[in-house]
Amino acid sequence: MLMATVTAAAALAVLPAPAVAAEQMYQVGFEQAAIPDADHAPIAAIIWYPTAAEARDIQVGPVAIKAAPSAPIARSGLPLLIISHGTGAGAISHVDTAIALAQAGFVVVTPTHSGDNYEDESNVGKPAWLADRSRHIVRTIDFMLGSWRGSLNIDENKIGIFGFSAGATTALISIGGEPDLGRLAPHCATQPEFVCRLYPAPAAAVENPSWSHDPRISAAAIAAPGLGFLFGPDSLAKVKTPVQIWAGSDDKIVPYASNTANVRALLPKTTEYRPVQGAGHLSFLSPCPDPSVMPAICTDKPGFDRTAFHAELNAALITFFRAHLAAP
């Protein structure tokens, strides 16, 4: 998944474990949406939100969860969070995190990035790949504050984003980051990491597209920022938003030194950093109830407990976003 491409069948074989949360203030409301994207196909998304309605067992594709479909929204003044998935993934890739955040009082929307998901990777490696992803974030926020039925329940001054791998880079672009695609060729020539294989001609000159920033976002949490090496000395100069960074010590897909370390060096020294001992790249995906179903995605380093880690991850995300968006 992010930065590790999988087939649709493989993605659907991953059945996330039940949500883990630091606390449960609410039940979880659930609905699907098609977000308008002018001159492009609609963006499929799932919206998770706090509700007082009784949750029941429902099936979301291959995933069994407890939620209240199309239930009333708990109250007004709620903060909004967007989760940006990694390459080859989708709206349910971080389902436990989305549910935990909704239980804690956040409205959460998980768009499936068009052209970069488990069913369609036609945009991966193209010049517009990351630019389209960042545009999806703007369109998603427009929809949630505009035509979504619960728009009036959202506080437009409390918007955050969580992104994993390519989704982490998407989040950085959304808050003002500007990758330099000219850094791709020299990096891949000397340090040919996994992402270099996703570009059909990594040595070719590439012109930077127009990036979509969204000043409505007030806080960002990122994990394993794939393509972090594309950020040069001034690439994150416009980022004024508080950022929380996560990285696994055993990430072989997005190496720390060329990605997370580079991003950390370009952000203020006060930026919160959360290293995760023993975590691999895919450890940030939702836990699988039966890792043997898809061991390539569901299996972690011996001794690493993904479910326990996600309890820590979800609790820390709740704390971070509450601190910077004000408690829901």
Protein backbone atom coordinates (compact mmCIF):
# COMPACT_ATOMS: atom_id res chain seq x y z
CA MET A 1 0.00 0.00 0.00
CA LEU A 2 1.53 3.32 0.47
CA MET A 3 4.60 3.08 -1.27
CA ALA A 4 3.94 -0.55 -1.85
CA THR A 5 1.48 -1.19 -4.63
CA VAL A 6 -0.98 -4.04 -4.25
CA THR A 7 -3.69 -5.51 -6.41
CA ALA A 8 -7.35 -4.93 -5.72
CA ALA A 9 -7.73 -8.52 -4.58
CA ALA A 10 -4.89 -8.13 -2.11
CA ALA A 11 -6.32 -4.92 -0.74
CA LEU A 12 -9.71 -6.51 -0.23
CA ALA A 13 -8.13 -9.38 1.62
CA VAL A 14 -7.05 -7.03 4.40
CA LEU A 15 -9.82 -7.01 6.98
CA PRO A 16 -8.93 -4.43 9.65
CA ALA A 17 -9.37 -5.37 13.27
CA PRO A 18 -11.91 -3.60 15.49
CA ALA A 19 -11.17 0.03 16.21
CA VAL A 20 -8.92 0.90 19.10
CA ALA A 21 -9.47 4.20 20.87
CA ALA A 22 -8.17 5.99 23.92
CA GLU A 23 -11.74 6.76 24.89
CA GLN A 24 -15.22 6.51 23.46
CA MET A 25 -17.38 9.58 23.91
CA TYR A 26 -19.71 8.79 20.99
CA GLN A 27 -20.98 6.05 18.72
CA VAL A 28 -19.82 6.24 15.12
CA GLY A 29 -22.03 7.49 12.31
CA PHE A 30 -21.14 6.36 8.81
CA GLU A 31 -21.97 7.31 5.25
CA GLN A 32 -20.42 7.21 1.80
CA ALA A 33 -20.08 10.20 -0.51
CA ALA A 34 -19.11 11.11 -4.06
CA ILE A 35 -17.20 14.39 -3.85
CA PRO A 36 -17.39 16.61 -6.95
CA ASP A 37 -14.04 17.28 -8.64
CA ALA A 38 -14.56 19.65 -11.58
CA ASP A 39 -13.40 18.21 -14.93
CA HIS A 40 -12.55 14.93 -13.19
CA ALA A 41 -14.42 11.90 -11.91
CA PRO A 42 -16.02 12.30 -8.46
CA ILE A 43 -13.86 11.36 -5.49
CA ALA A 44 -15.26 8.40 -3.55
CA ALA A 45 -15.12 8.94 0.20
CA ILE A 46 -16.33 7.63 3.53
CA ILE A 47 -17.45 10.00 6.27
CA TRP A 48 -17.19 8.92 9.91
CA TYR A 49 -18.71 11.15 12.56
CA PRO A 50 -19.85 11.21 16.20
CA THR A 51 -23.45 10.27 16.88
CA ALA A 52 -25.65 9.32 19.81
CA ALA A 53 -27.49 6.74 17.69
CA GLU A 54 -27.04 3.06 18.44
CA ALA A 55 -24.31 1.40 16.39
CA ARG A 56 -24.85 -1.98 14.77
CA ASP A 57 -22.76 -4.47 12.85
CA ILE A 58 -22.37 -3.37 9.23
CA GLN A 59 -20.17 -4.38 6.33
CA VAL A 60 -18.07 -1.77 4.51
CA GLY A 61 -16.79 -3.68 1.51
CA PRO A 62 -14.74 -6.46 3.12
CA VAL A 63 -14.63 -4.76 6.50
CA ALA A 64 -16.97 -5.52 9.40
CA ILE A 65 -17.44 -2.56 11.75
CA LYS A 66 -19.89 -1.24 14.34
CA ALA A 67 -21.49 1.99 13.14
CA ALA A 68 -24.80 3.78 12.66
CA PRO A 69 -25.38 4.38 8.92
CA SER A 70 -26.74 7.84 8.03
CA ALA A 71 -27.41 8.58 11.70
CA PRO A 72 -27.94 12.08 13.12
CA ILE A 73 -24.74 13.99 13.85
CA ALA A 74 -24.09 14.39 17.57
CA ARG A 75 -23.82 18.15 17.78
CA SER A 76 -22.48 21.32 16.17
CA GLY A 77 -19.02 22.87 16.43
CA LEU A 78 -17.20 19.64 15.56
CA PRO A 79 -13.63 19.61 14.20
CA LEU A 80 -12.97 18.06 10.78
CA LEU A 81 -10.12 15.69 9.92
CA ILE A 82 -9.10 14.37 6.51
CA ILE A 83 -7.11 11.13 6.23
CA SER A 84 -4.98 10.81 3.08
CA HIS A 85 -4.06 7.19 2.33
CA GLY A 86 -0.93 5.89 0.63
CA THR A 87 -0.36 4.60 -2.87
CA GLY A 88 -2.45 1.59 -3.84
CA ALA A 89 -4.68 1.96 -0.79
CA GLY A 90 -8.15 3.37 -0.16
CA ALA A 91 -10.73 4.85 2.19
CA ILE A 92 -10.65 1.89 4.61
CA SER A 93 -6.86 1.57 4.92
CA HIS A 94 -6.87 3.49 8.22
CA VAL A 95 -10.34 2.45 9.36
CA ASP A 96 -9.39 1.89 13.00
CA THR A 97 -7.93 5.39 13.21
CA ALA A 98 -10.95 6.96 11.51
CA ILE A 99 -13.31 5.21 13.92
CA ALA A 100 -11.23 6.09 16.99
CA LEU A 101 -11.21 9.76 15.99
CA ALA A 102 -14.96 9.76 15.36
CA GLN A 103 -15.57 8.13 18.74
CA ALA A 104 -13.54 10.95 20.29
CA GLY A 105 -15.67 13.66 18.68
CA PHE A 106 -14.13 14.39 15.29
CA VAL A 107 -15.82 14.34 11.89
CA VAL A 108 -13.45 12.29 9.73
CA VAL A 109 -13.47 11.94 5.96
CA THR A 110 -11.37 9.36 4.13
CA PRO A 111 -11.26 10.07 0.39
CA THR A 112 -10.03 7.41 -2.03
CA HIS A 113 -7.54 9.24 -4.22
CA SER A 114 -8.60 8.94 -7.87
CA GLY A 115 -5.84 7.44 -10.01
CA ASP A 116 -3.92 6.25 -6.97
CA ASN A 117 -5.81 3.53 -5.13
CA TYR A 118 -6.11 -0.24 -4.91
CA GLU A 119 -8.31 -0.38 -8.03
CA ASP A 120 -6.69 2.30 -10.18
CA GLU A 121 -3.03 3.38 -10.15
CA SER A 122 -3.13 5.11 -13.52
CA ASN A 123 -1.81 8.39 -12.09
CA VAL A 124 1.08 7.00 -10.06
CA GLY A 125 4.46 8.22 -11.26
CA LYS A 126 3.03 10.90 -13.54
CA PRO A 127 3.86 14.61 -13.09
CA ALA A 128 0.32 15.30 -11.86
CA TRP A 129 0.36 12.44 -9.32
CA LEU A 130 0.95 14.50 -6.17
CA ALA A 131 -0.70 17.63 -7.56
CA ASP A 132 -3.95 15.74 -8.10
CA ARG A 133 -3.76 14.31 -4.60
CA SER A 134 -3.43 17.78 -3.07
CA ARG A 135 -6.34 19.01 -5.20
CA HIS A 136 -8.44 16.16 -3.81
CA ILE A 137 -7.88 17.53 -0.30
CA VAL A 138 -9.15 20.98 -1.31
CA ARG A 139 -12.21 19.48 -3.01
CA THR A 140 -12.88 17.29 0.03
CA ILE A 141 -12.85 20.25 2.41
CA ASP A 142 -15.03 22.26 0.00
CA PHE A 143 -17.58 19.45 0.03
CA MET A 144 -17.54 18.91 3.78
CA LEU A 145 -18.08 22.63 4.45
CA GLY A 146 -20.50 23.07 1.57
CA SER A 147 -22.93 20.51 0.21
CA TRP A 148 -22.49 17.75 2.81
CA ARG A 149 -25.67 17.44 4.89
CA GLY A 150 -23.66 17.89 8.10
CA SER A 151 -21.70 20.94 6.98
CA LEU A 152 -23.30 23.19 9.61
CA ASN A 153 -22.14 20.80 12.34
CA ILE A 154 -18.49 21.45 11.44
CA ASP A 155 -16.42 24.30 12.85
CA GLU A 156 -14.62 25.63 9.77
CA ASN A 157 -11.82 26.94 12.00
CA LYS A 158 -10.98 23.44 13.29
CA ILE A 159 -9.64 21.45 10.33
CA GLY A 160 -6.74 18.99 10.40
CA ILE A 161 -5.21 16.29 8.22
CA PHE A 162 -3.47 12.96 8.80
CA GLY A 163 -1.48 11.46 5.94
CA PHE A 164 0.52 8.27 5.52
CA SER A 165 3.40 7.81 3.05
CA ALA A 166 2.30 9.46 -0.22
CA GLY A 167 -0.58 10.73 1.90
CA ALA A 168 1.94 12.34 4.25
CA THR A 169 3.49 14.21 1.35
CA THR A 170 -0.03 15.11 0.22
CA ALA A 171 -0.64 16.58 3.68
CA LEU A 172 2.60 18.58 3.56
CA ILE A 173 1.63 20.02 0.18
CA SER A 174 -1.81 20.88 1.52
CA ILE A 175 -0.32 22.99 4.32
CA GLY A 176 2.07 24.89 2.04
CA GLY A 177 4.83 22.46 1.05
CA GLU A 178 6.18 22.55 -2.49
CA PRO A 179 8.09 19.46 -3.61
CA ASP A 180 10.73 19.88 -6.29
CA LEU A 181 10.34 17.08 -8.85
CA GLY A 182 13.76 18.07 -10.20
CA ARG A 183 15.23 16.32 -7.16
CA LEU A 184 13.83 12.95 -8.28
CA ALA A 185 16.41 12.09 -10.95
CA PRO A 186 19.58 12.80 -8.95
CA HIS A 187 18.20 11.08 -5.88
CA CYS A 188 17.11 7.94 -7.73
CA ALA A 189 20.46 7.79 -9.52
CA THR A 190 22.36 7.57 -6.24
CA GLN A 191 19.79 6.21 -3.78
CA PRO A 192 17.32 4.06 -5.77
CA GLU A 193 14.69 3.47 -3.10
CA PHE A 194 11.30 1.85 -3.68
CA VAL A 195 9.45 4.91 -4.97
CA CYS A 196 11.93 5.29 -7.85
CA ARG A 197 10.38 2.15 -9.37
CA LEU A 198 6.99 3.88 -9.52
CA TYR A 199 8.24 6.47 -11.99
CA PRO A 200 8.50 5.12 -15.57
CA ALA A 201 11.49 7.37 -16.33
CA PRO A 202 12.93 8.65 -13.05
CA ALA A 203 15.97 10.11 -14.82
CA ALA A 204 13.86 12.31 -17.11
CA ALA A 205 13.49 16.04 -16.47
CA VAL A 206 10.12 16.84 -14.89
CA GLU A 207 8.45 20.22 -14.62
CA ASN A 208 6.78 21.03 -11.32
CA PRO A 209 2.98 21.23 -11.57
CA SER A 210 0.80 23.71 -9.75
CA TRP A 211 0.38 22.62 -6.14
CA SER A 212 -2.91 23.00 -4.25
CA HIS A 213 -2.49 24.47 -0.77
CA ASP A 214 -5.35 24.93 1.68
CA PRO A 215 -4.97 27.57 4.42
CA ARG A 216 -8.09 26.20 6.13
CA ILE A 217 -5.99 23.35 7.55
CA SER A 218 -4.74 24.22 11.05
CA ALA A 219 -2.86 21.04 12.07
CA ALA A 220 -1.22 18.10 10.30
CA ALA A 221 0.00 14.70 11.45
CA ILE A 222 2.11 12.67 9.02
CA ALA A 223 3.52 9.15 9.09
CA ALA A 224 6.40 7.80 6.99
CA PRO A 225 6.49 10.66 4.46
CA GLY A 226 7.16 8.94 1.13
CA LEU A 227 8.96 11.14 -1.42
CA GLY A 228 10.21 13.27 1.46
CA PHE A 229 13.47 13.70 -0.42
CA LEU A 230 11.65 15.91 -2.95
CA PHE A 231 11.53 18.73 -0.42
CA GLY A 232 14.48 21.08 -0.87
CA PRO A 233 15.88 23.81 1.41
CA ASP A 234 12.97 26.20 0.83
CA SER A 235 10.21 23.68 0.07
CA LEU A 236 8.59 23.85 3.50
CA ALA A 237 9.30 27.52 4.21
CA LYS A 238 5.61 28.41 3.88
CA VAL A 239 4.47 25.77 6.36
CA LYS A 240 3.30 27.50 9.54
CA THR A 241 0.90 24.78 10.65
CA PRO A 242 1.80 22.57 13.67
CA VAL A 243 3.00 19.16 12.46
CA GLN A 244 3.36 15.82 14.22
CA ILE A 245 5.69 13.30 12.51
CA TRP A 246 5.70 9.51 12.90
CA ALA A 247 8.30 7.07 11.56
CA GLY A 248 9.05 3.38 12.03
CA SER A 249 12.57 2.25 12.86
CA ASP A 250 12.30 -0.69 10.43
CA ASP A 251 10.79 1.11 7.44
CA LYS A 252 12.58 -0.26 4.37
CA ILE A 253 10.10 1.17 1.86
CA VAL A 254 10.44 4.82 2.90
CA PRO A 255 13.95 5.04 4.42
CA TYR A 256 14.19 7.40 7.36
CA ALA A 257 17.40 9.18 6.32
CA SER A 258 16.22 10.35 2.91
CA ASN A 259 12.60 11.05 3.79
CA THR A 260 11.53 11.62 7.41
CA ALA A 261 14.91 13.02 8.45
CA ASN A 262 14.88 15.43 5.52
CA VAL A 263 11.36 16.65 6.35
CA ARG A 264 12.24 17.04 10.03
CA ALA A 265 15.30 19.12 9.16
CA LEU A 266 13.16 21.52 7.13
CA LEU A 267 10.48 22.04 9.79
CA PRO A 268 10.86 23.97 13.07
CA LYS A 269 12.89 22.23 15.76
CA THR A 270 9.79 22.30 17.96
CA THR A 271 7.97 19.92 15.58
CA GLU A 272 6.71 16.89 17.49
CA TYR A 273 8.46 13.67 16.45
CA ARG A 274 7.17 10.20 17.37
CA PRO A 275 9.63 7.39 16.47
CA VAL A 276 8.16 3.88 16.64
CA GLN A 277 10.64 1.17 17.55
CA GLY A 278 10.20 -1.99 15.52
CA ALA A 279 7.57 -0.58 13.15
CA GLY A 280 7.86 -1.18 9.44
CA HIS A 281 6.24 0.93 6.74
CA LEU A 282 2.99 -0.99 6.63
CA SER A 283 2.67 -1.06 10.41
CA PHE A 284 0.71 2.19 10.09
CA LEU A 285 -2.08 0.41 8.19
CA SER A 286 -4.99 -0.89 10.24
CA PRO A 287 -4.33 -4.13 12.14
CA CYS A 288 -5.49 -7.33 10.46
CA PRO A 289 -7.47 -9.86 12.51
CA ASP A 290 -5.77 -12.68 10.60
CA PRO A 291 -2.32 -11.64 9.29
CA SER A 292 -2.02 -14.92 7.38
CA VAL A 293 -4.69 -13.76 4.94
CA MET A 294 -2.27 -11.24 3.43
CA PRO A 295 1.09 -11.64 5.19
CA ALA A 296 2.93 -9.16 2.95
CA ILE A 297 0.75 -6.35 4.29
CA CYS A 298 -0.38 -7.67 7.66
CA THR A 299 2.82 -9.14 9.10
CA ASP A 300 5.19 -7.04 11.18
CA LYS A 301 8.62 -7.66 12.65
CA PRO A 302 8.58 -10.47 15.26
CA GLY A 303 7.70 -9.00 18.62
CA PHE A 304 5.97 -5.93 17.20
CA ASP A 305 2.30 -5.70 18.22
CA ARG A 306 0.46 -3.66 15.60
CA THR A 307 -2.79 -3.58 17.56
CA ALA A 308 -1.05 -2.24 20.67
CA PHE A 309 0.81 0.30 18.56
CA HIS A 310 -2.41 1.52 16.98
CA ALA A 311 -3.91 2.08 20.42
CA GLU A 312 -0.93 4.38 21.09
CA LEU A 313 -1.12 5.99 17.64
CA ASN A 314 -4.82 6.74 17.83
CA ALA A 315 -4.58 8.14 21.37
CA ALA A 316 -1.67 10.38 20.38
CA LEU A 317 -3.48 11.65 17.29
CA ILE A 318 -6.53 12.51 19.41
CA THR A 319 -4.32 14.39 21.87
CA PHE A 320 -2.46 16.25 19.10
CA PHE A 321 -5.53 17.35 17.20
CA ARG A 322 -7.38 18.33 20.37
CA ALA A 323 -4.43 20.49 21.40
CA HIS A 324 -4.25 22.32 18.07
CA LEU A 325 -7.91 22.37 17.04
CA ALA A 326 -9.35 22.78 20.57
CA ALA A 327 -11.09 19.89 22.29
CA PRO A 328 -14.31 18.71 20.60
